[in-house]
N, C-alpha and C. Protein backbone atom coordinates (compact mmCIF):
# COMPACT_ATOMS: atom_id res chain seq x y z
N UNK A 1 3.34 -4.31 -8.80
CA UNK A 1 2.32 -3.92 -9.95
C UNK A 1 1.45 -5.19 -10.51
N UNK A 2 2.21 -5.82 -9.15
CA UNK A 2 1.31 -7.57 -9.90
C UNK A 2 2.16 -8.46 -11.16
N UNK A 3 2.21 -9.65 -10.53
CA UNK A 3 2.40 -10.78 -11.11
C UNK A 3 1.81 -10.67 -13.46
N UNK A 4 3.09 -11.03 -13.85
CA UNK A 4 2.62 -10.91 -15.40
C UNK A 4 1.45 -11.26 -16.39
N UNK A 5 0.66 -10.52 -16.80
CA UNK A 5 -0.90 -10.75 -17.45
C UNK A 5 -1.81 -11.07 -16.32
N UNK A 6 -1.61 -10.90 -14.99
CA UNK A 6 -2.55 -10.46 -13.99
C UNK A 6 -3.32 -8.81 -14.48
N UNK A 7 -2.74 -8.48 -14.41
CA UNK A 7 -2.67 -6.46 -14.13
C UNK A 7 -2.79 -6.76 -16.02
N UNK A 8 -3.04 -5.57 -16.88
CA UNK A 8 -3.01 -4.59 -18.29
C UNK A 8 -2.17 -4.10 -18.11
N UNK A 9 -2.11 -4.02 -18.91
CA UNK A 9 -0.59 -2.72 -19.49
C UNK A 9 -0.46 -1.29 -19.08
N UNK A 10 -2.27 -1.26 -19.31
CA UNK A 10 -3.06 0.26 -18.75
C UNK A 10 -3.05 0.10 -17.42
N UNK A 11 -3.00 -0.30 -15.88
CA UNK A 11 -3.71 -0.30 -15.85
C UNK A 11 -2.10 -1.01 -14.55
N UNK A 12 -0.41 -1.29 -15.20
CA UNK A 12 0.21 -1.51 -14.77
C UNK A 12 0.79 0.19 -14.89
N UNK A 13 0.17 0.43 -15.55
CA UNK A 13 1.30 2.71 -16.07
C UNK A 13 0.60 3.11 -14.83
N UNK A 14 -0.26 3.16 -14.64
CA UNK A 14 -1.51 3.55 -13.82
C UNK A 14 -0.81 3.66 -12.88
N UNK A 15 -0.81 2.18 -11.86
CA UNK A 15 -0.11 2.82 -10.71
C UNK A 15 1.34 2.90 -10.94
N UNK A 16 2.08 3.36 -12.11
CA UNK A 16 2.78 3.46 -11.17
C UNK A 16 3.61 5.12 -11.90
N UNK A 17 2.29 5.34 -12.40
CA UNK A 17 2.31 6.72 -11.64
C UNK A 17 1.65 7.48 -10.68
N UNK A 18 0.54 6.64 -10.23
CA UNK A 18 0.03 7.15 -8.81
C UNK A 18 2.25 6.83 -7.88
N UNK A 19 1.86 5.95 -7.89
CA UNK A 19 3.61 5.42 -7.40
C UNK A 19 4.79 7.40 -7.15
N UNK A 20 4.70 7.21 -8.60
CA UNK A 20 5.30 9.06 -8.95
C UNK A 20 5.61 9.54 -8.42
N UNK A 21 3.51 9.54 -8.19
CA UNK A 21 3.15 10.81 -7.58
C UNK A 21 3.46 10.86 -6.57
N UNK A 22 3.29 9.95 -5.60
CA UNK A 22 3.55 9.22 -3.92
C UNK A 22 4.91 10.20 -3.21
N UNK A 23 5.81 9.49 -4.36
CA UNK A 23 7.48 9.94 -4.15
C UNK A 23 8.31 10.91 -3.90
N UNK A 24 7.39 11.57 -5.14
CA UNK A 24 7.36 13.28 -5.24
C UNK A 24 7.34 13.13 -3.99
N UNK A 25 5.97 13.71 -3.28
CA UNK A 25 5.05 14.04 -2.56
C UNK A 25 6.48 14.37 -1.22
N UNK A 26 6.94 12.47 -1.31
CA UNK A 26 8.23 12.31 0.01
C UNK A 26 7.42 10.73 0.46
N UNK A 27 6.73 10.00 0.36
CA UNK A 27 5.84 9.58 0.17
C UNK A 27 6.34 7.89 -0.10
N UNK A 28 7.05 6.59 0.40
CA UNK A 28 7.47 5.88 -0.18
C UNK A 28 6.44 4.67 0.12
N UNK A 29 6.13 4.19 -1.04
CA UNK A 29 5.17 3.46 -0.99
C UNK A 29 5.03 1.91 0.05
N UNK A 30 5.90 1.44 -0.06
CA UNK A 30 7.06 0.52 0.99
C UNK A 30 7.39 0.59 2.83
N UNK A 31 7.28 2.00 3.37
CA UNK A 31 6.78 2.27 4.51
C UNK A 31 5.09 3.16 4.58
N UNK A 32 4.84 3.58 4.03
CA UNK A 32 3.07 3.89 3.85
C UNK A 32 2.80 1.96 3.87
N UNK A 33 3.07 0.73 3.16
CA UNK A 33 2.99 -0.56 3.15
C UNK A 33 2.81 -1.08 4.91
N UNK A 34 4.25 -0.62 4.81
CA UNK A 34 4.39 -1.16 6.51
C UNK A 34 3.24 -0.86 7.37
N UNK A 35 3.78 0.80 7.56
CA UNK A 35 2.95 1.66 8.55
C UNK A 35 1.05 0.90 8.17
N UNK A 36 0.54 0.86 7.69
CA UNK A 36 -0.74 0.63 6.95
C UNK A 36 -0.63 -1.02 7.93
N UNK A 37 -0.30 -1.57 7.04
CA UNK A 37 -0.16 -3.15 7.66
C UNK A 37 0.47 -2.98 9.68
N UNK A 38 0.98 -2.67 10.20
CA UNK A 38 1.16 -2.27 11.55
C UNK A 38 -0.47 -1.05 12.44
N UNK A 39 -0.62 -0.76 11.69
CA UNK A 39 -2.12 0.09 11.74
C UNK A 39 -2.81 -1.26 12.07
N UNK A 40 -3.20 -1.75 11.38
CA UNK A 40 -4.03 -3.41 11.56
C UNK A 40 -3.46 -4.49 12.25
N UNK A 41 -2.64 -4.04 12.50
CA UNK A 41 -2.26 -5.76 13.18
C UNK A 41 -1.70 -4.22 15.39
N UNK A 42 -1.95 -3.27 14.85
CA UNK A 42 -2.61 -2.20 15.87
C UNK A 42 -4.41 -2.20 17.02
N UNK A 43 -4.40 -2.63 15.48
CA UNK A 43 -6.20 -2.08 15.58
C UNK A 43 -6.63 -3.79 16.23
N UNK A 44 -6.74 -4.58 15.41
CA UNK A 44 -6.75 -6.38 15.58
C UNK A 44 -6.14 -6.52 17.36
N UNK A 45 -4.92 -6.08 17.84
CA UNK A 45 -4.49 -5.84 18.97
C UNK A 45 -5.25 -5.23 20.24
N UNK A 46 -6.18 -4.03 19.62
CA UNK A 46 -6.57 -2.93 20.38
C UNK A 46 -8.03 -4.34 21.06
N UNK A 47 -8.62 -4.66 19.85
CA UNK A 47 -10.05 -5.20 19.39
C UNK A 47 -9.66 -6.97 20.66
N UNK A 48 -8.77 -7.74 20.04
CA UNK A 48 -8.85 -7.64 22.01
C UNK A 48 -8.59 -7.75 22.72
N UNK A 49 -8.35 -7.02 22.91
CA UNK A 49 -8.66 -6.63 24.80
C UNK A 49 -9.09 -5.39 25.13
N UNK A 50 -9.77 -5.16 24.11
CA UNK A 50 -11.63 -5.07 24.42
C UNK A 50 -12.24 -6.41 24.83
N UNK A 51 -12.56 -7.08 24.04
CA UNK A 51 -12.71 -8.52 24.87
C UNK A 51 -12.83 -8.59 26.07
């Protein structure tokens, strides 16, 4: 969600609502963040291979 004071209370509430919606759909934010991170590593490695 972020450190205290960096985002407004309204933004924090909005992030919480979005996180709950994703969780209701069976998508974990932690798992999704890890998947995106791994995809980025894969893209970086494949770009390196193409050179």
